[in-house]
Amino acid sequence: MDIYKRILVGVDHSEHSQKVISTAIEYKKAVDRGSDASSVNVKIIVFHSTNHHMIPRVLPLPMPTVVGQQYTIPTVDYEEIEHDYKVAGQQVLDNALERFKKENIFVETRLIEDDSPEDYIKKVIKEENIDLVILGKGQKSGLEHFFLGSVSEHALKHALCDVLIVK
């Protein structure tokens, strides 16, 4: 069996992310049990993208108004929204880190602010030679999924490495 040595794990606020973390932990434990731990170095990178559900700064209005056909969120309000997303994203990563620490597994965490998860996954696979991506199954509604797809679906189609989707 080939051993995945560079693993990228995507997490968010969902229940699926807890299962994703459990899967990564179990994989690392299995590798450690099956080999001399000093001979196999598995690097796990856990990331969360604040960009994934971030609302756009300019919102289209369903009907034209006296101010036009769009609404721009004031800068001070948008900066507060961004801050709240960062705080919530960091909490997601801190919770994931705590789960790994309880199992004595070292991971690197990354809060991604500028890239969508899809773009970040593609970029990191190439730049850091990731050989496995572990993601949760997307939870979009039927119509939302039809128009937007999901991060896991995008990774399955475009990733240049193996992808594990956890249900």
C-alpha atoms as a PDB file:
ATOM      1  CA  MET A   1       0.000   0.000   0.000  1.00  0.00           C
ATOM      2  CA  ASP A   2       1.279   3.452  -0.884  1.00  0.00           C
ATOM      3  CA  ILE A   3       1.393   5.825   2.037  1.00  0.00           C
ATOM      4  CA  TYR A   4       0.068   9.325   1.589  1.00  0.00           C
ATOM      5  CA  LYS A   5       2.710  11.613   3.025  1.00  0.00           C
ATOM      6  CA  ARG A   6       1.286  15.084   2.349  1.00  0.00           C
ATOM      7  CA  ILE A   7      -2.389  15.423   3.207  1.00  0.00           C
ATOM      8  CA  LEU A   8      -4.581  18.500   2.822  1.00  0.00           C
ATOM      9  CA  VAL A   9      -7.705  18.500   5.012  1.00  0.00           C
ATOM     10  CA  GLY A  10     -10.496  21.023   4.393  1.00  0.00           C
ATOM     11  CA  VAL A  11     -12.719  21.942   7.346  1.00  0.00           C
ATOM     12  CA  ASP A  12     -15.667  24.210   7.981  1.00  0.00           C
ATOM     13  CA  HIS A  13     -18.472  24.515  10.533  1.00  0.00           C
ATOM     14  CA  SER A  14     -20.334  21.426   9.326  1.00  0.00           C
ATOM     15  CA  GLU A  15     -20.892  18.068  10.961  1.00  0.00           C
ATOM     16  CA  HIS A  16     -19.116  16.506   7.984  1.00  0.00           C
ATOM     17  CA  SER A  17     -15.934  18.307   9.009  1.00  0.00           C
ATOM     18  CA  GLN A  18     -15.906  16.427  12.302  1.00  0.00           C
ATOM     19  CA  LYS A  19     -15.986  13.187  10.318  1.00  0.00           C
ATOM     20  CA  VAL A  20     -13.232  14.503   8.027  1.00  0.00           C
ATOM     21  CA  ILE A  21     -11.037  15.185  11.063  1.00  0.00           C
ATOM     22  CA  SER A  22     -11.777  11.722  12.466  1.00  0.00           C
ATOM     23  CA  THR A  23     -10.831  10.149   9.132  1.00  0.00           C
ATOM     24  CA  ALA A  24      -7.515  12.025   9.004  1.00  0.00           C
ATOM     25  CA  ILE A  25      -6.763  10.989  12.590  1.00  0.00           C
ATOM     26  CA  GLU A  26      -7.549   7.342  11.868  1.00  0.00           C
ATOM     27  CA  TYR A  27      -5.396   7.376   8.733  1.00  0.00           C
ATOM     28  CA  LYS A  28      -2.419   8.818  10.629  1.00  0.00           C
ATOM     29  CA  LYS A  29      -2.846   6.262  13.425  1.00  0.00           C
ATOM     30  CA  ALA A  30      -3.023   3.422  10.892  1.00  0.00           C
ATOM     31  CA  VAL A  31       0.184   4.603   9.220  1.00  0.00           C
ATOM     32  CA  ASP A  32       1.916   4.843  12.598  1.00  0.00           C
ATOM     33  CA  ARG A  33       0.734   1.342  13.606  1.00  0.00           C
ATOM     34  CA  GLY A  34       1.811  -0.179  10.314  1.00  0.00           C
ATOM     35  CA  SER A  35       5.311   1.221  10.207  1.00  0.00           C
ATOM     36  CA  ASP A  36       8.180   2.474  12.244  1.00  0.00           C
ATOM     37  CA  ALA A  37       6.837   5.951  13.064  1.00  0.00           C
ATOM     38  CA  SER A  38      10.281   7.461  12.628  1.00  0.00           C
ATOM     39  CA  SER A  39      10.541   6.153   9.060  1.00  0.00           C
ATOM     40  CA  VAL A  40       7.270   7.654   7.794  1.00  0.00           C
ATOM     41  CA  ASN A  41       6.706  11.365   8.038  1.00  0.00           C
ATOM     42  CA  VAL A  42       3.076  12.223   7.241  1.00  0.00           C
ATOM     43  CA  LYS A  43       2.407  15.945   7.046  1.00  0.00           C
ATOM     44  CA  ILE A  44      -1.195  17.031   7.576  1.00  0.00           C
ATOM     45  CA  ILE A  45      -2.304  20.539   6.643  1.00  0.00           C
ATOM     46  CA  VAL A  46      -5.748  21.573   7.887  1.00  0.00           C
ATOM     47  CA  PHE A  47      -7.265  24.616   6.210  1.00  0.00           C
ATOM     48  CA  HIS A  48     -10.397  26.734   6.318  1.00  0.00           C
ATOM     49  CA  SER A  49     -11.297  29.356   3.720  1.00  0.00           C
ATOM     50  CA  THR A  50     -13.191  32.423   4.928  1.00  0.00           C
ATOM     51  CA  ASN A  51     -13.823  33.248   1.291  1.00  0.00           C
ATOM     52  CA  HIS A  52     -16.104  30.241   0.787  1.00  0.00           C
ATOM     53  CA  HIS A  53     -19.334  31.688   2.194  1.00  0.00           C
ATOM     54  CA  MET A  54     -18.313  35.353   2.271  1.00  0.00           C
ATOM     55  CA  ILE A  55     -21.047  37.629   1.012  1.00  0.00           C
ATOM     56  CA  PRO A  56     -20.060  39.912  -1.858  1.00  0.00           C
ATOM     57  CA  ARG A  57     -19.483  43.582  -1.089  1.00  0.00           C
ATOM     58  CA  VAL A  58     -21.825  44.632  -3.906  1.00  0.00           C
ATOM     59  CA  LEU A  59     -25.244  43.039  -3.908  1.00  0.00           C
ATOM     60  CA  PRO A  60     -27.591  43.141  -6.891  1.00  0.00           C
ATOM     61  CA  LEU A  61     -31.090  44.387  -6.107  1.00  0.00           C
ATOM     62  CA  PRO A  62     -34.065  42.526  -7.553  1.00  0.00           C
ATOM     63  CA  MET A  63     -35.624  45.761  -8.806  1.00  0.00           C
ATOM     64  CA  PRO A  64     -34.087  49.085  -9.794  1.00  0.00           C
ATOM     65  CA  THR A  65     -34.322  51.749  -7.096  1.00  0.00           C
ATOM     66  CA  VAL A  66     -33.464  55.414  -6.873  1.00  0.00           C
ATOM     67  CA  VAL A  67     -29.910  54.404  -5.907  1.00  0.00           C
ATOM     68  CA  GLY A  68     -29.504  52.012  -8.809  1.00  0.00           C
ATOM     69  CA  GLN A  69     -29.620  48.249  -9.305  1.00  0.00           C
ATOM     70  CA  GLN A  70     -27.096  47.318  -6.651  1.00  0.00           C
ATOM     71  CA  TYR A  71     -26.278  47.960  -3.043  1.00  0.00           C
ATOM     72  CA  THR A  72     -22.720  48.352  -1.800  1.00  0.00           C
ATOM     73  CA  ILE A  73     -22.147  47.414   1.826  1.00  0.00           C
ATOM     74  CA  PRO A  74     -20.396  50.331   3.572  1.00  0.00           C
ATOM     75  CA  THR A  75     -16.669  49.711   4.132  1.00  0.00           C
ATOM     76  CA  VAL A  76     -16.840  49.828   7.922  1.00  0.00           C
ATOM     77  CA  ASP A  77     -19.665  47.265   7.960  1.00  0.00           C
ATOM     78  CA  TYR A  78     -17.961  45.010   5.432  1.00  0.00           C
ATOM     79  CA  GLU A  79     -14.722  45.089   7.422  1.00  0.00           C
ATOM     80  CA  GLU A  80     -16.673  44.006  10.495  1.00  0.00           C
ATOM     81  CA  ILE A  81     -18.227  41.140   8.527  1.00  0.00           C
ATOM     82  CA  GLU A  82     -14.770  40.071   7.298  1.00  0.00           C
ATOM     83  CA  HIS A  83     -13.440  40.216  10.849  1.00  0.00           C
ATOM     84  CA  ASP A  84     -16.295  38.036  12.109  1.00  0.00           C
ATOM     85  CA  TYR A  85     -15.623  35.484   9.339  1.00  0.00           C
ATOM     86  CA  LYS A  86     -11.925  35.393  10.304  1.00  0.00           C
ATOM     87  CA  VAL A  87     -12.718  34.904  13.989  1.00  0.00           C
ATOM     88  CA  ALA A  88     -15.201  32.122  13.193  1.00  0.00           C
ATOM     89  CA  GLY A  89     -12.733  30.504  10.773  1.00  0.00           C
ATOM     90  CA  GLN A  90      -9.955  30.589  13.324  1.00  0.00           C
ATOM     91  CA  GLN A  91     -12.296  28.948  15.838  1.00  0.00           C
ATOM     92  CA  VAL A  92     -12.950  26.143  13.333  1.00  0.00           C
ATOM     93  CA  LEU A  93      -9.187  25.626  12.976  1.00  0.00           C
ATOM     94  CA  ASP A  94      -8.583  25.832  16.738  1.00  0.00           C
ATOM     95  CA  ASN A  95     -11.250  23.167  17.333  1.00  0.00           C
ATOM     96  CA  ALA A  96      -9.684  20.920  14.677  1.00  0.00           C
ATOM     97  CA  LEU A  97      -6.217  21.465  16.137  1.00  0.00           C
ATOM     98  CA  GLU A  98      -7.466  20.488  19.587  1.00  0.00           C
ATOM     99  CA  ARG A  99      -8.854  17.195  18.232  1.00  0.00           C
ATOM    100  CA  PHE A 100      -5.517  16.330  16.634  1.00  0.00           C
ATOM    101  CA  LYS A 101      -3.573  17.347  19.759  1.00  0.00           C
ATOM    102  CA  LYS A 102      -5.682  14.994  21.889  1.00  0.00           C
ATOM    103  CA  GLU A 103      -4.379  12.187  19.671  1.00  0.00           C
ATOM    104  CA  ASN A 104      -0.775  13.489  19.793  1.00  0.00           C
ATOM    105  CA  ILE A 105      -0.829  14.262  16.080  1.00  0.00           C
ATOM    106  CA  PHE A 106       0.936  17.392  14.886  1.00  0.00           C
ATOM    107  CA  VAL A 107      -0.837  19.319  12.128  1.00  0.00           C
ATOM    108  CA  GLU A 108      -0.336  22.664  10.484  1.00  0.00           C
ATOM    109  CA  THR A 109      -3.412  24.912  10.318  1.00  0.00           C
ATOM    110  CA  ARG A 110      -4.026  27.626   7.748  1.00  0.00           C
ATOM    111  CA  LEU A 111      -6.734  30.277   7.614  1.00  0.00           C
ATOM    112  CA  ILE A 112      -7.213  31.181   3.958  1.00  0.00           C
ATOM    113  CA  GLU A 113      -8.653  34.633   3.384  1.00  0.00           C
ATOM    114  CA  ASP A 114      -8.012  35.431  -0.261  1.00  0.00           C
ATOM    115  CA  ASP A 115      -8.663  32.205  -2.170  1.00  0.00           C
ATOM    116  CA  SER A 116     -11.786  30.161  -2.608  1.00  0.00           C
ATOM    117  CA  PRO A 117     -11.328  26.627  -1.262  1.00  0.00           C
ATOM    118  CA  GLU A 118     -11.383  25.294  -4.829  1.00  0.00           C
ATOM    119  CA  ASP A 119      -8.581  27.608  -5.958  1.00  0.00           C
ATOM    120  CA  TYR A 120      -6.565  27.036  -2.795  1.00  0.00           C
ATOM    121  CA  ILE A 121      -6.770  23.240  -3.162  1.00  0.00           C
ATOM    122  CA  LYS A 122      -5.547  23.381  -6.770  1.00  0.00           C
ATOM    123  CA  LYS A 123      -2.728  25.772  -5.896  1.00  0.00           C
ATOM    124  CA  VAL A 124      -1.459  23.872  -2.847  1.00  0.00           C
ATOM    125  CA  ILE A 125      -1.581  20.498  -4.594  1.00  0.00           C
ATOM    126  CA  LYS A 126       0.824  21.843  -7.211  1.00  0.00           C
ATOM    127  CA  GLU A 127       3.042  23.987  -4.991  1.00  0.00           C
ATOM    128  CA  GLU A 128       3.414  21.579  -2.070  1.00  0.00           C
ATOM    129  CA  ASN A 129       3.093  18.167  -3.734  1.00  0.00           C
ATOM    130  CA  ILE A 130      -0.042  17.161  -1.856  1.00  0.00           C
ATOM    131  CA  ASP A 131      -0.904  13.528  -2.565  1.00  0.00           C
ATOM    132  CA  LEU A 132      -4.266  13.293  -0.763  1.00  0.00           C
ATOM    133  CA  VAL A 133      -7.078  15.779  -0.156  1.00  0.00           C
ATOM    134  CA  ILE A 134      -9.713  14.905   2.453  1.00  0.00           C
ATOM    135  CA  LEU A 135     -12.996  16.814   2.312  1.00  0.00           C
ATOM    136  CA  GLY A 136     -16.534  16.473   3.583  1.00  0.00           C
ATOM    137  CA  LYS A 137     -19.495  15.957   1.315  1.00  0.00           C
ATOM    138  CA  GLY A 138     -21.047  19.304   0.365  1.00  0.00           C
ATOM    139  CA  GLN A 139     -24.412  20.263   1.814  1.00  0.00           C
ATOM    140  CA  LYS A 140     -25.837  22.597  -0.799  1.00  0.00           C
ATOM    141  CA  SER A 141     -29.506  22.550  -1.733  1.00  0.00           C
ATOM    142  CA  GLY A 142     -30.464  21.067  -5.099  1.00  0.00           C
ATOM    143  CA  LEU A 143     -30.744  24.402  -6.887  1.00  0.00           C
ATOM    144  CA  GLU A 144     -27.640  25.864  -5.253  1.00  0.00           C
ATOM    145  CA  HIS A 145     -25.693  22.707  -6.154  1.00  0.00           C
ATOM    146  CA  PHE A 146     -26.935  22.873  -9.759  1.00  0.00           C
ATOM    147  CA  PHE A 147     -25.572  26.392 -10.223  1.00  0.00           C
ATOM    148  CA  LEU A 148     -22.514  26.338  -7.980  1.00  0.00           C
ATOM    149  CA  GLY A 149     -21.460  22.736  -7.454  1.00  0.00           C
ATOM    150  CA  SER A 150     -19.547  21.872  -4.309  1.00  0.00           C
ATOM    151  CA  VAL A 151     -15.944  22.119  -3.176  1.00  0.00           C
ATOM    152  CA  SER A 152     -15.671  18.332  -2.943  1.00  0.00           C
ATOM    153  CA  GLU A 153     -17.164  17.862  -6.400  1.00  0.00           C
ATOM    154  CA  HIS A 154     -14.772  20.430  -7.853  1.00  0.00           C
ATOM    155  CA  ALA A 155     -11.822  18.716  -6.180  1.00  0.00           C
ATOM    156  CA  LEU A 156     -12.872  15.333  -7.564  1.00  0.00           C
ATOM    157  CA  LYS A 157     -12.970  16.744 -11.080  1.00  0.00           C
ATOM    158  CA  HIS A 158      -9.866  18.931 -11.010  1.00  0.00           C
ATOM    159  CA  ALA A 159      -7.408  17.757  -8.351  1.00  0.00           C
ATOM    160  CA  LEU A 160      -4.143  16.277  -9.583  1.00  0.00           C
ATOM    161  CA  CYS A 161      -4.013  13.847  -6.662  1.00  0.00           C
ATOM    162  CA  ASP A 162      -6.288  11.453  -4.839  1.00  0.00           C
ATOM    163  CA  VAL A 163      -9.365  12.901  -3.154  1.00  0.00           C
ATOM    164  CA  LEU A 164     -11.233  11.299  -0.269  1.00  0.00           C
ATOM    165  CA  ILE A 165     -14.798  12.510   0.258  1.00  0.00           C
ATOM    166  CA  VAL A 166     -16.187  11.726   3.712  1.00  0.00           C
ATOM    167  CA  LYS A 167     -19.951  11.347   4.067  1.00  0.00           C
END
